[in-house]
Amino acid sequence: MKNLFKFGFLALAITLSAAACNSTKTDSSTADSIDSNASASIDSIDSSATAKTDTIDSAADATVDSVK
């Protein structure tokens, strides 16, 4: 759970820095950049959480199988 918060904060920091670096672009392109970076970060966090959930589920299944 702590890692999700770390990744979320990191994604926010990267998004804000990308928005700050692109100051010569128009407002709509900056908003598009922020949206795309946020979407990519959310997808990354979701896939990481899904992988961890799958790992926990498989470990739980293995434990149940070994008890039988």
N, C-alpha and C. Protein backbone atom coordinates (compact mmCIF):
# COMPACT_ATOMS: atom_id res chain seq x y z
N MET A 1 0.82 -1.18 0.00
CA MET A 1 0.00 0.00 0.00
C MET A 1 0.87 1.25 0.00
N LYS A 2 1.99 1.18 0.73
CA LYS A 2 2.89 2.33 0.76
C LYS A 2 3.46 2.61 -0.63
N ASN A 3 3.72 1.52 -1.37
CA ASN A 3 4.27 1.70 -2.72
C ASN A 3 3.29 2.38 -3.64
N LEU A 4 1.99 2.10 -3.47
CA LEU A 4 1.00 2.77 -4.31
C LEU A 4 1.01 4.27 -4.07
N PHE A 5 1.16 4.67 -2.81
CA PHE A 5 1.24 6.10 -2.51
C PHE A 5 2.51 6.71 -3.08
N LYS A 6 3.61 5.96 -3.00
CA LYS A 6 4.87 6.45 -3.55
C LYS A 6 4.76 6.63 -5.06
N PHE A 7 4.18 5.62 -5.75
CA PHE A 7 4.03 5.72 -7.19
C PHE A 7 3.07 6.83 -7.57
N GLY A 8 2.02 7.00 -6.80
CA GLY A 8 1.07 8.08 -7.07
C GLY A 8 1.71 9.44 -6.93
N PHE A 9 2.50 9.61 -5.87
CA PHE A 9 3.20 10.88 -5.68
C PHE A 9 4.24 11.10 -6.77
N LEU A 10 4.94 10.04 -7.14
CA LEU A 10 5.92 10.15 -8.22
C LEU A 10 5.25 10.52 -9.53
N ALA A 11 4.11 9.91 -9.81
CA ALA A 11 3.37 10.23 -11.04
C ALA A 11 2.94 11.69 -11.04
N LEU A 12 2.48 12.17 -9.91
CA LEU A 12 2.07 13.58 -9.81
C LEU A 12 3.26 14.50 -10.02
N ALA A 13 4.40 14.17 -9.43
CA ALA A 13 5.60 14.99 -9.59
C ALA A 13 6.07 15.02 -11.04
N ILE A 14 6.04 13.87 -11.70
CA ILE A 14 6.45 13.81 -13.11
C ILE A 14 5.49 14.60 -13.98
N THR A 15 4.21 14.49 -13.68
CA THR A 15 3.21 15.22 -14.46
C THR A 15 3.40 16.72 -14.31
N LEU A 16 3.61 17.17 -13.09
CA LEU A 16 3.80 18.60 -12.86
C LEU A 16 5.10 19.10 -13.49
N SER A 17 6.15 18.31 -13.43
CA SER A 17 7.41 18.74 -14.03
C SER A 17 7.30 18.77 -15.56
N ALA A 18 6.58 17.82 -16.12
CA ALA A 18 6.37 17.82 -17.58
C ALA A 18 5.55 19.04 -17.98
N ALA A 19 4.59 19.40 -17.19
CA ALA A 19 3.77 20.58 -17.49
C ALA A 19 4.61 21.86 -17.37
N ALA A 20 5.51 21.89 -16.40
CA ALA A 20 6.34 23.08 -16.21
C ALA A 20 7.37 23.21 -17.33
N CYS A 21 7.89 22.10 -17.82
CA CYS A 21 8.90 22.14 -18.88
C CYS A 21 8.31 22.53 -20.23
N ASN A 22 7.05 22.31 -20.43
CA ASN A 22 6.41 22.61 -21.69
C ASN A 22 5.69 23.96 -21.64
N SER A 23 6.34 24.97 -21.09
CA SER A 23 5.68 26.26 -20.89
C SER A 23 5.47 27.03 -22.19
N THR A 24 6.17 26.67 -23.27
CA THR A 24 5.99 27.38 -24.54
C THR A 24 4.78 26.90 -25.32
N LYS A 25 4.18 25.80 -24.92
CA LYS A 25 3.02 25.27 -25.61
C LYS A 25 1.76 26.00 -25.15
N THR A 26 0.69 25.81 -25.89
CA THR A 26 -0.57 26.43 -25.52
C THR A 26 -1.19 25.70 -24.34
N ASP A 27 -2.22 26.29 -23.77
CA ASP A 27 -2.86 25.70 -22.60
C ASP A 27 -3.48 24.35 -22.90
N SER A 28 -4.08 24.20 -24.07
CA SER A 28 -4.73 22.93 -24.38
C SER A 28 -3.71 21.80 -24.55
N SER A 29 -2.56 22.10 -25.12
CA SER A 29 -1.56 21.04 -25.27
C SER A 29 -0.96 20.68 -23.91
N THR A 30 -0.86 21.64 -23.01
CA THR A 30 -0.36 21.34 -21.67
C THR A 30 -1.36 20.46 -20.94
N ALA A 31 -2.64 20.77 -21.08
CA ALA A 31 -3.67 19.95 -20.44
C ALA A 31 -3.66 18.54 -21.03
N ASP A 32 -3.48 18.44 -22.34
CA ASP A 32 -3.42 17.12 -22.97
C ASP A 32 -2.21 16.33 -22.46
N SER A 33 -1.09 17.02 -22.30
CA SER A 33 0.12 16.38 -21.79
C SER A 33 -0.09 15.88 -20.37
N ILE A 34 -0.72 16.69 -19.55
CA ILE A 34 -0.99 16.29 -18.18
C ILE A 34 -1.93 15.09 -18.15
N ASP A 35 -2.97 15.14 -18.97
CA ASP A 35 -3.92 14.03 -19.03
C ASP A 35 -3.25 12.73 -19.48
N SER A 36 -2.41 12.82 -20.50
CA SER A 36 -1.77 11.60 -21.00
C SER A 36 -0.77 11.05 -19.98
N ASN A 37 -0.04 11.94 -19.31
CA ASN A 37 0.90 11.48 -18.28
C ASN A 37 0.16 10.87 -17.10
N ALA A 38 -0.94 11.48 -16.72
CA ALA A 38 -1.73 10.94 -15.61
C ALA A 38 -2.31 9.58 -15.98
N SER A 39 -2.80 9.44 -17.19
CA SER A 39 -3.36 8.17 -17.63
C SER A 39 -2.29 7.08 -17.65
N ALA A 40 -1.11 7.43 -18.13
CA ALA A 40 -0.02 6.45 -18.17
C ALA A 40 0.38 6.04 -16.76
N SER A 41 0.40 7.00 -15.84
CA SER A 41 0.76 6.69 -14.46
C SER A 41 -0.29 5.81 -13.81
N ILE A 42 -1.54 6.10 -14.05
CA ILE A 42 -2.63 5.30 -13.48
C ILE A 42 -2.57 3.88 -14.02
N ASP A 43 -2.31 3.74 -15.33
CA ASP A 43 -2.22 2.41 -15.93
C ASP A 43 -1.06 1.63 -15.31
N SER A 44 0.05 2.31 -15.07
CA SER A 44 1.22 1.66 -14.47
C SER A 44 0.91 1.20 -13.05
N ILE A 45 0.26 2.05 -12.29
CA ILE A 45 -0.09 1.70 -10.91
C ILE A 45 -1.08 0.54 -10.89
N ASP A 46 -2.08 0.59 -11.79
CA ASP A 46 -3.07 -0.48 -11.86
C ASP A 46 -2.43 -1.81 -12.22
N SER A 47 -1.52 -1.80 -13.18
CA SER A 47 -0.89 -3.06 -13.57
C SER A 47 -0.01 -3.60 -12.46
N SER A 48 0.65 -2.70 -11.73
CA SER A 48 1.47 -3.13 -10.60
C SER A 48 0.61 -3.73 -9.50
N ALA A 49 -0.51 -3.10 -9.21
CA ALA A 49 -1.42 -3.61 -8.18
C ALA A 49 -2.01 -4.95 -8.61
N THR A 50 -2.36 -5.08 -9.87
CA THR A 50 -2.92 -6.33 -10.37
C THR A 50 -1.90 -7.45 -10.28
N ALA A 51 -0.66 -7.16 -10.62
CA ALA A 51 0.39 -8.18 -10.54
C ALA A 51 0.60 -8.63 -9.10
N LYS A 52 0.58 -7.69 -8.18
CA LYS A 52 0.77 -8.05 -6.77
C LYS A 52 -0.42 -8.85 -6.26
N THR A 53 -1.62 -8.49 -6.67
CA THR A 53 -2.81 -9.22 -6.27
C THR A 53 -2.76 -10.65 -6.81
N ASP A 54 -2.35 -10.79 -8.06
CA ASP A 54 -2.23 -12.13 -8.65
C ASP A 54 -1.20 -12.98 -7.91
N THR A 55 -0.10 -12.35 -7.51
CA THR A 55 0.94 -13.06 -6.77
C THR A 55 0.40 -13.54 -5.41
N ILE A 56 -0.32 -12.66 -4.74
CA ILE A 56 -0.89 -13.03 -3.44
C ILE A 56 -1.92 -14.14 -3.61
N ASP A 57 -2.75 -14.04 -4.64
CA ASP A 57 -3.76 -15.06 -4.88
C ASP A 57 -3.13 -16.42 -5.17
N SER A 58 -2.09 -16.42 -5.97
CA SER A 58 -1.45 -17.70 -6.30
C SER A 58 -0.75 -18.28 -5.07
N ALA A 59 -0.18 -17.43 -4.23
CA ALA A 59 0.44 -17.92 -3.00
C ALA A 59 -0.62 -18.50 -2.06
N ALA A 60 -1.77 -17.85 -2.00
CA ALA A 60 -2.85 -18.36 -1.15
C ALA A 60 -3.37 -19.70 -1.68
N ASP A 61 -3.50 -19.81 -2.98
CA ASP A 61 -3.94 -21.07 -3.58
C ASP A 61 -2.92 -22.18 -3.30
N ALA A 62 -1.65 -21.86 -3.40
CA ALA A 62 -0.63 -22.86 -3.14
C ALA A 62 -0.64 -23.31 -1.69
N THR A 63 -0.92 -22.38 -0.79
CA THR A 63 -1.00 -22.72 0.63
C THR A 63 -2.19 -23.64 0.89
N VAL A 64 -3.32 -23.34 0.28
CA VAL A 64 -4.51 -24.17 0.45
C VAL A 64 -4.25 -25.56 -0.12
N ASP A 65 -3.62 -25.64 -1.27
CA ASP A 65 -3.32 -26.93 -1.90
C ASP A 65 -2.36 -27.75 -1.04
N SER A 66 -1.40 -27.10 -0.39
CA SER A 66 -0.43 -27.84 0.40
C SER A 66 -1.05 -28.36 1.70
N VAL A 67 -2.10 -27.68 2.17
CA VAL A 67 -2.78 -28.14 3.39
C VAL A 67 -3.62 -29.36 3.11
N LYS A 68 -4.19 -29.47 1.92
CA LYS A 68 -5.05 -30.59 1.57
C LYS A 68 -4.25 -31.83 1.52
